[in-house]
């Protein structure tokens, strides 16, 4: 199963909501989805906020995968 990826590097914080919403809704038949936030705690916080708002099931990366979020279900 192939994972579709959204890389948030280079985005401004105010662009995160709409970009993630578009990504998860346009790819909802293609789970799992991967969101790359990088080492920005603020970007990770904003991404998780959007995912929780829509009731997504996801796993936040730790250790080597820190800054990576895998979404399993919308």
Protein backbone atom coordinates (compact mmCIF):
# COMPACT_ATOMS: atom_id res chain seq x y z
CA UNK A 1 0.00 0.00 0.00
CA UNK A 2 1.46 3.35 -1.06
CA UNK A 3 1.42 6.29 1.30
CA UNK A 4 0.70 9.76 -0.02
CA UNK A 5 2.81 12.52 1.52
CA UNK A 6 2.30 16.20 2.30
CA UNK A 7 5.49 18.11 3.16
CA UNK A 8 4.82 21.29 5.16
CA UNK A 9 8.36 22.64 4.81
CA UNK A 10 8.26 26.17 3.43
CA UNK A 11 4.65 26.84 4.44
CA UNK A 12 3.70 29.62 6.78
CA UNK A 13 1.74 28.72 9.90
CA UNK A 14 -1.45 30.38 8.66
CA UNK A 15 -1.39 28.16 5.53
CA UNK A 16 -1.32 24.85 7.42
CA UNK A 17 -5.06 24.45 8.14
CA UNK A 18 -6.30 24.69 4.57
CA UNK A 19 -3.40 22.70 3.12
CA UNK A 20 -3.95 19.76 5.49
CA UNK A 21 -7.73 19.85 5.09
CA UNK A 22 -7.41 19.77 1.30
CA UNK A 23 -4.84 16.97 1.51
CA UNK A 24 -6.87 14.66 3.76
CA UNK A 25 -10.18 15.21 1.96
CA UNK A 26 -8.75 14.88 -1.55
CA UNK A 27 -6.88 11.70 -0.57
CA UNK A 28 -9.38 10.11 1.83
CA UNK A 29 -9.50 6.92 -0.24
CA UNK A 30 -5.71 6.56 -0.16
CA UNK A 31 -4.86 5.93 3.50
CA UNK A 32 -2.37 5.91 5.11
CA UNK A 33 -1.38 9.53 4.51
CA UNK A 34 1.89 11.02 5.72
CA UNK A 35 2.37 14.62 6.84
CA UNK A 36 5.93 15.87 7.24
CA UNK A 37 6.13 18.76 9.73
CA UNK A 38 9.87 18.78 10.39
CA UNK A 39 11.32 19.80 13.74
CA UNK A 40 8.94 22.70 14.30
CA UNK A 41 6.89 22.08 17.45
CA UNK A 42 4.48 24.81 16.34
CA UNK A 43 3.94 23.14 12.94
CA UNK A 44 3.34 19.76 14.60
CA UNK A 45 0.88 21.37 17.04
CA UNK A 46 -1.03 23.05 14.19
CA UNK A 47 -1.17 19.84 12.14
CA UNK A 48 -2.47 17.79 15.06
CA UNK A 49 -5.05 20.47 15.84
CA UNK A 50 -6.49 20.17 12.31
CA UNK A 51 -6.47 16.36 12.42
CA UNK A 52 -8.28 16.30 15.78
CA UNK A 53 -10.82 18.85 14.51
CA UNK A 54 -11.82 16.39 11.79
CA UNK A 55 -11.70 13.29 14.01
CA UNK A 56 -8.78 11.67 12.19
CA UNK A 57 -6.97 8.64 13.56
CA UNK A 58 -3.24 9.30 13.40
CA UNK A 59 0.12 8.48 14.92
CA UNK A 60 2.70 11.10 15.75
CA UNK A 61 6.28 10.06 15.04
CA UNK A 62 8.83 9.82 17.83
CA UNK A 63 12.59 9.43 17.86
CA UNK A 64 13.87 9.06 14.31
CA UNK A 65 10.36 9.80 12.95
CA UNK A 66 9.89 12.98 15.00
CA UNK A 67 8.06 15.55 12.88
CA UNK A 68 6.21 12.93 10.86
CA UNK A 69 2.49 12.21 11.30
CA UNK A 70 0.79 9.20 9.72
CA UNK A 71 -2.98 9.50 9.25
CA UNK A 72 -4.90 6.21 9.15
CA UNK A 73 -8.54 7.22 9.04
CA UNK A 74 -10.76 10.23 8.55
